[in-house]
Protein backbone atom coordinates (compact mmCIF):
# COMPACT_ATOMS: atom_id res chain seq x y z
CA MET A 1 36.69 25.57 -26.62
CA ARG A 2 34.89 22.58 -28.13
CA SER A 3 35.00 19.36 -26.12
CA ILE A 4 35.17 15.92 -27.72
CA LEU A 5 34.27 13.02 -25.43
CA ILE A 6 35.44 9.48 -26.19
CA ALA A 7 33.57 6.97 -24.01
CA VAL A 8 35.02 3.44 -24.07
CA ILE A 9 32.66 0.67 -22.99
CA ASP A 10 34.12 -2.09 -20.80
CA ASN A 11 34.16 -5.60 -22.17
CA PRO A 12 31.74 -8.11 -20.64
CA GLY A 13 33.26 -10.60 -18.25
CA PRO A 14 34.14 -11.19 -14.58
CA GLN A 15 37.54 -9.48 -15.01
CA THR A 16 37.20 -6.15 -16.76
CA ASP A 17 39.76 -5.72 -19.55
CA THR A 18 40.66 -2.05 -19.91
CA GLU A 19 43.49 -2.50 -22.44
CA LEU A 20 41.77 -0.47 -25.15
CA TYR A 21 40.74 2.28 -22.74
CA GLN A 22 44.29 2.59 -21.42
CA GLN A 23 45.68 2.89 -24.95
CA LEU A 24 43.10 5.46 -26.01
CA LEU A 25 43.93 7.74 -23.09
CA SER A 26 46.70 9.13 -25.33
CA LEU A 27 43.98 10.87 -27.35
CA ALA A 28 43.73 13.45 -24.58
CA ASP A 29 47.17 14.74 -25.66
CA TRP A 30 46.29 14.92 -29.36
CA GLN A 31 45.72 18.46 -30.61
CA VAL A 32 43.18 17.84 -33.39
CA ALA A 33 42.37 21.57 -33.63
CA LYS A 34 43.27 24.70 -31.70
CA ASP A 35 39.74 25.10 -30.32
CA CYS A 36 39.20 21.41 -29.40
CA GLN A 37 39.94 19.37 -26.31
CA ILE A 38 39.56 15.59 -26.14
CA GLN A 39 38.52 13.72 -23.01
CA VAL A 40 38.58 9.92 -22.71
CA GLU A 41 36.36 8.13 -20.19
CA HIS A 42 35.17 4.58 -19.69
CA LEU A 43 31.71 3.18 -19.07
CA HIS A 44 30.91 -0.07 -17.29
CA CYS A 45 29.28 -2.82 -19.31
CA VAL A 46 25.98 -2.66 -17.44
CA PHE A 47 22.46 -1.73 -18.45
CA LYS A 48 20.78 1.38 -16.96
CA GLN A 49 23.67 2.44 -14.68
CA SER A 50 25.96 2.98 -17.66
CA LEU A 51 23.39 5.25 -19.28
CA THR A 52 23.05 7.29 -16.09
CA ALA A 53 26.85 7.60 -16.00
CA LEU A 54 26.90 8.68 -19.65
CA GLU A 55 24.34 11.41 -19.04
CA GLN A 56 26.40 12.62 -16.07
CA LEU A 57 29.50 12.78 -18.27
CA ILE A 58 27.58 14.86 -20.82
CA THR A 59 26.43 17.23 -18.07
CA ASN A 60 29.94 17.60 -16.68
CA CYS A 61 31.93 17.74 -19.94
CA LYS A 62 29.37 19.48 -22.18
CA PRO A 63 30.87 17.87 -25.30
CA ALA A 64 30.15 19.00 -28.83
CA TYR A 65 30.94 15.48 -30.08
CA LEU A 66 30.64 12.13 -28.34
CA LEU A 67 31.96 8.85 -29.69
CA LEU A 68 31.03 5.59 -27.98
CA ILE A 69 33.70 2.95 -28.61
CA ASN A 70 32.90 -0.72 -28.07
CA GLN A 71 34.95 -3.88 -28.56
CA CYS A 72 33.11 -7.02 -29.63
CA ARG A 73 34.61 -10.43 -30.27
CA SER A 74 32.11 -11.15 -33.05
CA LYS A 75 33.35 -8.18 -35.11
CA VAL A 76 35.79 -8.75 -37.97
CA ASP A 77 36.11 -5.10 -38.99
CA ILE A 78 35.43 -1.58 -37.78
CA GLN A 79 31.68 -1.01 -37.76
CA VAL A 80 30.44 2.57 -37.88
CA GLU A 81 26.91 2.23 -36.54
CA LYS A 82 23.99 4.11 -38.08
CA VAL A 83 20.93 2.74 -36.24
CA ALA A 84 20.25 2.58 -32.51
CA LEU A 85 17.34 0.28 -31.64
CA ASN A 86 14.96 0.71 -28.71
CA ILE A 87 15.39 -2.84 -27.49
CA ASN A 88 17.47 -4.65 -24.88
CA ASP A 89 17.78 -8.37 -25.48
CA ALA A 90 20.91 -9.74 -23.84
CA SER A 91 22.18 -13.18 -24.82
CA GLU A 92 24.54 -13.06 -21.82
CA PRO A 93 24.56 -11.19 -18.50
CA ASP A 94 26.17 -7.77 -18.24
CA ASN A 95 28.85 -7.11 -15.63
CA ASN A 96 26.20 -6.67 -12.93
CA GLN A 97 24.61 -10.00 -13.87
CA GLN A 98 21.61 -8.25 -15.43
CA GLN A 99 20.18 -9.94 -18.51
CA PRO A 100 17.17 -8.03 -19.83
CA ARG A 101 15.14 -9.79 -22.48
CA ASP A 102 12.90 -8.01 -24.98
CA SER A 103 12.73 -4.78 -22.95
CA LEU A 104 12.88 -1.12 -23.98
CA THR A 105 15.55 1.49 -23.27
CA ALA A 106 12.93 4.28 -23.41
CA GLN A 107 9.33 3.31 -22.70
CA HIS A 108 7.90 6.10 -24.85
CA GLY A 109 10.74 6.39 -27.33
CA PRO A 110 10.61 5.61 -31.05
CA ALA A 111 11.71 2.24 -32.39
CA ALA A 112 15.05 3.63 -33.55
CA TYR A 113 17.30 6.67 -33.88
CA PHE A 114 19.99 7.45 -36.44
CA SER A 115 23.43 8.73 -35.51
CA ASN A 116 23.94 12.37 -36.47
CA LEU A 117 27.61 11.98 -37.38
CA PRO A 118 28.76 12.07 -41.05
CA LEU A 119 28.93 8.28 -41.19
CA SER A 120 29.48 7.72 -44.92
CA ALA A 121 32.31 10.24 -44.94
CA ILE A 122 33.89 8.54 -41.93
CA VAL A 123 33.71 5.10 -43.56
CA ASP A 124 35.14 6.48 -46.81
CA ALA A 125 38.04 8.04 -44.92
CA LEU A 126 38.78 4.83 -43.01
CA GLN A 127 38.71 2.74 -46.16
CA SER A 128 40.92 5.23 -48.03
CA HIS A 129 43.51 4.74 -45.27
CA ALA A 130 43.38 0.95 -45.77
CA LEU A 131 41.43 0.35 -42.57
CA PRO A 132 38.83 -2.45 -42.61
CA ALA A 133 35.61 -0.50 -42.05
CA ARG A 134 31.98 -0.52 -43.08
CA LEU A 135 28.71 1.20 -42.35
CA SER A 136 26.54 -0.99 -40.12
CA TYR A 137 22.78 -0.95 -39.67
CA SER A 138 22.67 -3.19 -36.60
CA ALA A 139 24.40 -2.31 -33.33
CA GLY A 140 23.02 -5.44 -31.66
CA THR A 141 20.81 -5.48 -28.58
CA PHE A 142 23.40 -5.48 -25.79
CA VAL A 143 24.89 -2.66 -23.67
CA ALA A 144 26.56 -0.80 -26.56
CA ASN A 145 23.26 -0.43 -28.40
CA HIS A 146 21.55 0.49 -25.12
CA LEU A 147 24.02 3.35 -24.64
CA PHE A 148 23.83 4.39 -28.30
CA TYR A 149 20.04 4.60 -28.17
CA GLY A 150 20.13 6.40 -24.83
CA LEU A 151 22.61 8.93 -26.21
CA MET A 152 20.49 9.73 -29.26
CA HIS A 153 17.32 9.86 -27.11
CA TYR A 154 19.08 12.37 -24.85
CA ILE A 155 20.14 14.49 -27.83
CA LYS A 156 16.61 14.46 -29.22
CA HIS A 157 14.83 15.42 -26.01
CA GLN A 158 17.37 17.80 -24.52
CA ASN A 159 17.39 19.76 -27.79
CA THR A 160 21.17 19.83 -27.68
CA SER A 161 23.59 20.43 -30.54
CA LEU A 162 25.63 17.41 -29.44
CA HIS A 163 26.66 15.03 -32.24
CA GLY A 164 27.16 11.41 -31.29
CA GLY A 165 27.47 7.85 -32.45
CA LEU A 166 28.89 4.40 -31.87
CA ILE A 167 31.91 2.67 -33.41
CA GLN A 168 32.43 -1.03 -32.75
CA VAL A 169 35.82 -2.65 -33.21
CA PRO A 170 37.34 -6.16 -33.03
CA LEU A 171 39.42 -7.40 -30.11
CA THR A 172 43.13 -6.69 -29.84
CA PRO A 173 45.49 -9.57 -30.78
CA ALA A 174 46.22 -10.24 -27.08
CA GLN A 175 42.50 -10.52 -26.39
CA ALA A 176 41.61 -12.49 -29.52
CA CYS A 177 44.12 -15.25 -28.79
CA LYS A 178 41.81 -16.35 -25.96
CA PHE A 179 38.96 -16.92 -28.42
CA PRO A 180 39.99 -19.25 -31.26
CA GLY A 181 38.82 -17.93 -34.62
CA ALA A 182 38.18 -14.39 -33.37
CA ALA A 183 39.35 -11.51 -35.55
CA SER A 184 41.70 -8.89 -34.14
CA LEU A 185 42.87 -5.35 -34.78
CA SER A 186 45.79 -3.60 -33.12
CA THR A 187 45.13 -0.69 -30.79
CA SER A 188 47.32 1.51 -33.00
CA LEU A 189 44.91 0.96 -35.92
CA VAL A 190 41.88 1.55 -33.69
CA LEU A 191 43.53 4.77 -32.51
CA GLU A 192 44.11 5.82 -36.13
CA ALA A 193 40.46 5.06 -36.96
CA ILE A 194 39.14 7.16 -34.07
CA LYS A 195 41.39 10.08 -35.00
CA LEU A 196 40.06 9.94 -38.55
CA ALA A 197 36.46 9.77 -37.31
CA ILE A 198 37.03 12.85 -35.15
CA SER A 199 38.73 14.78 -37.95
CA ILE A 200 35.98 13.99 -40.45
CA SER A 201 33.26 14.90 -37.95
CA LEU A 202 34.86 18.29 -37.34
CA ALA A 203 35.26 18.89 -41.07
CA HIS A 204 31.58 18.11 -41.71
CA SER A 205 30.16 19.88 -38.67
CA ASP A 206 28.24 22.44 -40.72
CA SER A 207 26.41 19.87 -42.82
CA MET A 208 25.51 17.18 -40.29
CA LEU A 209 21.85 16.32 -39.79
CA ARG A 210 20.16 16.27 -36.42
CA SER A 211 19.01 12.82 -35.32
CA THR A 212 15.38 11.97 -35.99
CA GLY A 213 13.20 9.20 -34.71
């Protein structure tokens, strides 16, 4: 039985908004394939501790695929991230009031890693289903990028067959109304996008490249 882990990153702020996570829990009941099981977890929007929690989830769940999902109020479309940077440079504090500036996720790690998911195929599938999506080469320098880099660093050094990556999405309409001018995307469309990303990843499993530094 192959395990697929969806890890939803909390939004920054004093009151954690888990709306997206609660909606995505329905993925656990979706039978994408007979030999696959989906598990949905959430990660706190904090540096270091979130990465430790992610590694513990990998140890416990032993997933074949891991998708990090992050909401960001600066996003206007679905961004399928290709590059994870070895830098933490927070313009605002995380949810533990940590605000690292110009620091590294891995002291002896390379400058960047690439996701080892079939990103172009995922973007093509999303666009063909009229979903606003694009391939992105910058995941930022906040917690989502920190987790993305840490995930790919783990895959590289644990010599695991795990395939992973990061997808960033806009706020929901209920969230965006609190930030004038912010774009929004319904949770139903985000759910559709994640299902497509999972399906395409499974279909391309034999041709995916391992991540390289």
